[in-house]
């Protein structure tokens, strides 16, 4: 018999937490890329 840790609700919260961290990381990457583009355009115009 296999005993699994956590219930379905715990797994759902863990998934939400993981999704939030991925979205936060994508937001940070997007912000950095926007700043790079703004600096690039500022230099070459």
PDB file of N, CA and C in Angstrom:
ATOM      1  N   UNK A   1       0.839  -1.183   0.000  1.00  0.00           N
ATOM      2  CA  UNK A   1       0.000   0.000   0.000  1.00  0.00           C
ATOM      3  C   UNK A   1       0.884   1.246   0.000  1.00  0.00           C
ATOM      4  N   UNK A   2       0.556   2.174  -0.870  1.00  0.00           N
ATOM      5  CA  UNK A   2       1.356   3.387  -0.993  1.00  0.00           C
ATOM      6  C   UNK A   2       0.648   4.526  -0.289  1.00  0.00           C
ATOM      7  N   UNK A   3       1.374   5.205   0.571  1.00  0.00           N
ATOM      8  CA  UNK A   3       0.815   6.362   1.277  1.00  0.00           C
ATOM      9  C   UNK A   3       1.336   7.621   0.583  1.00  0.00           C
ATOM     10  N   UNK A   4       0.415   8.414   0.086  1.00  0.00           N
ATOM     11  CA  UNK A   4       0.821   9.647  -0.588  1.00  0.00           C
ATOM     12  C   UNK A   4       0.665  10.812   0.370  1.00  0.00           C
ATOM     13  N   UNK A   5       1.583  11.757   0.282  1.00  0.00           N
ATOM     14  CA  UNK A   5       1.516  12.923   1.161  1.00  0.00           C
ATOM     15  C   UNK A   5       0.640  13.999   0.559  1.00  0.00           C
ATOM     16  N   UNK A   6      -0.247  14.547   1.344  1.00  0.00           N
ATOM     17  CA  UNK A   6      -1.084  15.655   0.889  1.00  0.00           C
ATOM     18  C   UNK A   6      -2.365  15.191   0.253  1.00  0.00           C
ATOM     19  N   UNK A   7      -3.339  16.072   0.289  1.00  0.00           N
ATOM     20  CA  UNK A   7      -4.631  15.769  -0.321  1.00  0.00           C
ATOM     21  C   UNK A   7      -4.724  16.454  -1.674  1.00  0.00           C
ATOM     22  N   UNK A   8      -5.839  16.264  -2.354  1.00  0.00           N
ATOM     23  CA  UNK A   8      -6.041  16.915  -3.647  1.00  0.00           C
ATOM     24  C   UNK A   8      -5.989  18.437  -3.503  1.00  0.00           C
ATOM     25  N   UNK A   9      -6.523  18.937  -2.397  1.00  0.00           N
ATOM     26  CA  UNK A   9      -6.543  20.390  -2.178  1.00  0.00           C
ATOM     27  C   UNK A   9      -5.118  20.923  -2.046  1.00  0.00           C
ATOM     28  N   UNK A  10      -4.258  20.176  -1.338  1.00  0.00           N
ATOM     29  CA  UNK A  10      -2.865  20.603  -1.182  1.00  0.00           C
ATOM     30  C   UNK A  10      -2.170  20.631  -2.539  1.00  0.00           C
ATOM     31  N   UNK A  11      -2.443  19.637  -3.360  1.00  0.00           N
ATOM     32  CA  UNK A  11      -1.824  19.605  -4.689  1.00  0.00           C
ATOM     33  C   UNK A  11      -2.316  20.762  -5.539  1.00  0.00           C
ATOM     34  N   UNK A  12      -3.578  21.108  -5.411  1.00  0.00           N
ATOM     35  CA  UNK A  12      -4.122  22.243  -6.160  1.00  0.00           C
ATOM     36  C   UNK A  12      -3.457  23.547  -5.759  1.00  0.00           C
ATOM     37  N   UNK A  13      -3.244  23.714  -4.454  1.00  0.00           N
ATOM     38  CA  UNK A  13      -2.578  24.932  -3.978  1.00  0.00           C
ATOM     39  C   UNK A  13      -1.127  24.956  -4.436  1.00  0.00           C
ATOM     40  N   UNK A  14      -0.479  23.794  -4.434  1.00  0.00           N
ATOM     41  CA  UNK A  14       0.907  23.721  -4.884  1.00  0.00           C
ATOM     42  C   UNK A  14       1.006  24.089  -6.359  1.00  0.00           C
ATOM     43  N   UNK A  15       0.047  23.622  -7.155  1.00  0.00           N
ATOM     44  CA  UNK A  15       0.031  23.940  -8.586  1.00  0.00           C
ATOM     45  C   UNK A  15      -0.173  25.438  -8.795  1.00  0.00           C
ATOM     46  N   UNK A  16      -1.110  26.040  -8.028  1.00  0.00           N
ATOM     47  CA  UNK A  16      -1.347  27.480  -8.136  1.00  0.00           C
ATOM     48  C   UNK A  16      -0.096  28.256  -7.776  1.00  0.00           C
ATOM     49  N   UNK A  17       0.595  27.836  -6.733  1.00  0.00           N
ATOM     50  CA  UNK A  17       1.813  28.511  -6.305  1.00  0.00           C
ATOM     51  C   UNK A  17       2.874  28.429  -7.397  1.00  0.00           C
ATOM     52  N   UNK A  18       2.982  27.262  -8.025  1.00  0.00           N
ATOM     53  CA  UNK A  18       3.969  27.087  -9.090  1.00  0.00           C
ATOM     54  C   UNK A  18       3.607  27.961 -10.292  1.00  0.00           C
ATOM     55  N   UNK A  19       2.318  28.012 -10.634  1.00  0.00           N
ATOM     56  CA  UNK A  19       1.886  28.846 -11.755  1.00  0.00           C
ATOM     57  C   UNK A  19       2.168  30.317 -11.474  1.00  0.00           C
ATOM     58  N   UNK A  20       1.918  30.740 -10.238  1.00  0.00           N
ATOM     59  CA  UNK A  20       2.167  32.139  -9.876  1.00  0.00           C
ATOM     60  C   UNK A  20       3.646  32.467  -9.984  1.00  0.00           C
ATOM     61  N   UNK A  21       4.514  31.558  -9.553  1.00  0.00           N
ATOM     62  CA  UNK A  21       5.944  31.835  -9.627  1.00  0.00           C
ATOM     63  C   UNK A  21       6.410  31.883 -11.080  1.00  0.00           C
ATOM     64  N   UNK A  22       5.838  31.038 -11.938  1.00  0.00           N
ATOM     65  CA  UNK A  22       6.196  31.063 -13.357  1.00  0.00           C
ATOM     66  C   UNK A  22       5.735  32.368 -13.986  1.00  0.00           C
ATOM     67  N   UNK A  23       4.511  32.788 -13.676  1.00  0.00           N
ATOM     68  CA  UNK A  23       4.008  34.049 -14.225  1.00  0.00           C
ATOM     69  C   UNK A  23       4.822  35.232 -13.732  1.00  0.00           C
ATOM     70  N   UNK A  24       5.230  35.212 -12.472  1.00  0.00           N
ATOM     71  CA  UNK A  24       6.066  36.290 -11.940  1.00  0.00           C
ATOM     72  C   UNK A  24       7.401  36.339 -12.675  1.00  0.00           C
ATOM     73  N   UNK A  25       7.989  35.165 -12.912  1.00  0.00           N
ATOM     74  CA  UNK A  25       9.266  35.113 -13.629  1.00  0.00           C
ATOM     75  C   UNK A  25       9.108  35.633 -15.051  1.00  0.00           C
ATOM     76  N   UNK A  26       8.025  35.259 -15.726  1.00  0.00           N
ATOM     77  CA  UNK A  26       7.787  35.760 -17.080  1.00  0.00           C
ATOM     78  C   UNK A  26       7.601  37.272 -17.083  1.00  0.00           C
ATOM     79  N   UNK A  27       6.939  37.794 -16.066  1.00  0.00           N
ATOM     80  CA  UNK A  27       6.763  39.238 -15.956  1.00  0.00           C
ATOM     81  C   UNK A  27       8.088  39.956 -15.802  1.00  0.00           C
ATOM     82  N   UNK A  28       8.965  39.399 -14.970  1.00  0.00           N
ATOM     83  CA  UNK A  28      10.282  40.006 -14.765  1.00  0.00           C
ATOM     84  C   UNK A  28      11.092  39.957 -16.055  1.00  0.00           C
ATOM     85  N   UNK A  29      11.069  38.821 -16.739  1.00  0.00           N
ATOM     86  CA  UNK A  29      11.805  38.691 -18.002  1.00  0.00           C
ATOM     87  C   UNK A  29      11.263  39.675 -19.030  1.00  0.00           C
ATOM     88  N   UNK A  30       9.948  39.803 -19.110  1.00  0.00           N
ATOM     89  CA  UNK A  30       9.340  40.737 -20.053  1.00  0.00           C
ATOM     90  C   UNK A  30       9.736  42.173 -19.758  1.00  0.00           C
ATOM     91  N   UNK A  31       9.778  42.528 -18.485  1.00  0.00           N
ATOM     92  CA  UNK A  31      10.177  43.879 -18.097  1.00  0.00           C
ATOM     93  C   UNK A  31      11.626  44.153 -18.499  1.00  0.00           C
ATOM     94  N   UNK A  32      12.496  43.200 -18.244  1.00  0.00           N
ATOM     95  CA  UNK A  32      13.908  43.366 -18.604  1.00  0.00           C
ATOM     96  C   UNK A  32      14.065  43.512 -20.114  1.00  0.00           C
ATOM     97  N   UNK A  33      13.345  42.682 -20.876  1.00  0.00           N
ATOM     98  CA  UNK A  33      13.428  42.781 -22.336  1.00  0.00           C
ATOM     99  C   UNK A  33      12.912  44.130 -22.824  1.00  0.00           C
ATOM    100  N   UNK A  34      11.850  44.636 -22.221  1.00  0.00           N
ATOM    101  CA  UNK A  34      11.344  45.954 -22.592  1.00  0.00           C
ATOM    102  C   UNK A  34      12.386  47.029 -22.333  1.00  0.00           C
ATOM    103  N   UNK A  35      13.059  46.964 -21.193  1.00  0.00           N
ATOM    104  CA  UNK A  35      14.094  47.946 -20.889  1.00  0.00           C
ATOM    105  C   UNK A  35      15.244  47.862 -21.888  1.00  0.00           C
ATOM    106  N   UNK A  36      15.629  46.650 -22.272  1.00  0.00           N
ATOM    107  CA  UNK A  36      16.702  46.474 -23.257  1.00  0.00           C
ATOM    108  C   UNK A  36      16.296  47.106 -24.582  1.00  0.00           C
ATOM    109  N   UNK A  37      15.074  46.882 -25.014  1.00  0.00           N
ATOM    110  CA  UNK A  37      14.602  47.450 -26.275  1.00  0.00           C
ATOM    111  C   UNK A  37      14.575  48.971 -26.199  1.00  0.00           C
ATOM    112  N   UNK A  38      14.098  49.520 -25.082  1.00  0.00           N
ATOM    113  CA  UNK A  38      14.043  50.974 -24.934  1.00  0.00           C
ATOM    114  C   UNK A  38      15.445  51.568 -25.000  1.00  0.00           C
ATOM    115  N   UNK A  39      16.403  50.950 -24.307  1.00  0.00           N
ATOM    116  CA  UNK A  39      17.788  51.448 -24.334  1.00  0.00           C
ATOM    117  C   UNK A  39      18.364  51.335 -25.738  1.00  0.00           C
ATOM    118  N   UNK A  40      18.123  50.212 -26.413  1.00  0.00           N
ATOM    119  CA  UNK A  40      18.619  50.000 -27.773  1.00  0.00           C
ATOM    120  C   UNK A  40      18.073  51.056 -28.721  1.00  0.00           C
ATOM    121  N   UNK A  41      16.781  51.333 -28.647  1.00  0.00           N
ATOM    122  CA  UNK A  41      16.159  52.333 -29.513  1.00  0.00           C
ATOM    123  C   UNK A  41      16.696  53.719 -29.174  1.00  0.00           C
ATOM    124  N   UNK A  42      16.887  54.000 -27.895  1.00  0.00           N
ATOM    125  CA  UNK A  42      17.395  55.317 -27.475  1.00  0.00           C
ATOM    126  C   UNK A  42      18.807  55.548 -28.016  1.00  0.00           C
ATOM    127  N   UNK A  43      19.637  54.522 -27.989  1.00  0.00           N
ATOM    128  CA  UNK A  43      21.031  54.654 -28.447  1.00  0.00           C
ATOM    129  C   UNK A  43      21.076  54.846 -29.962  1.00  0.00           C
ATOM    130  N   UNK A  44      20.280  54.098 -30.699  1.00  0.00           N
ATOM    131  CA  UNK A  44      20.394  54.092 -32.160  1.00  0.00           C
ATOM    132  C   UNK A  44      19.413  55.013 -32.867  1.00  0.00           C
ATOM    133  N   UNK A  45      18.840  55.980 -32.161  1.00  0.00           N
ATOM    134  CA  UNK A  45      18.009  56.974 -32.839  1.00  0.00           C
ATOM    135  C   UNK A  45      18.546  58.363 -32.568  1.00  0.00           C
TER     136      UNK A  45
END
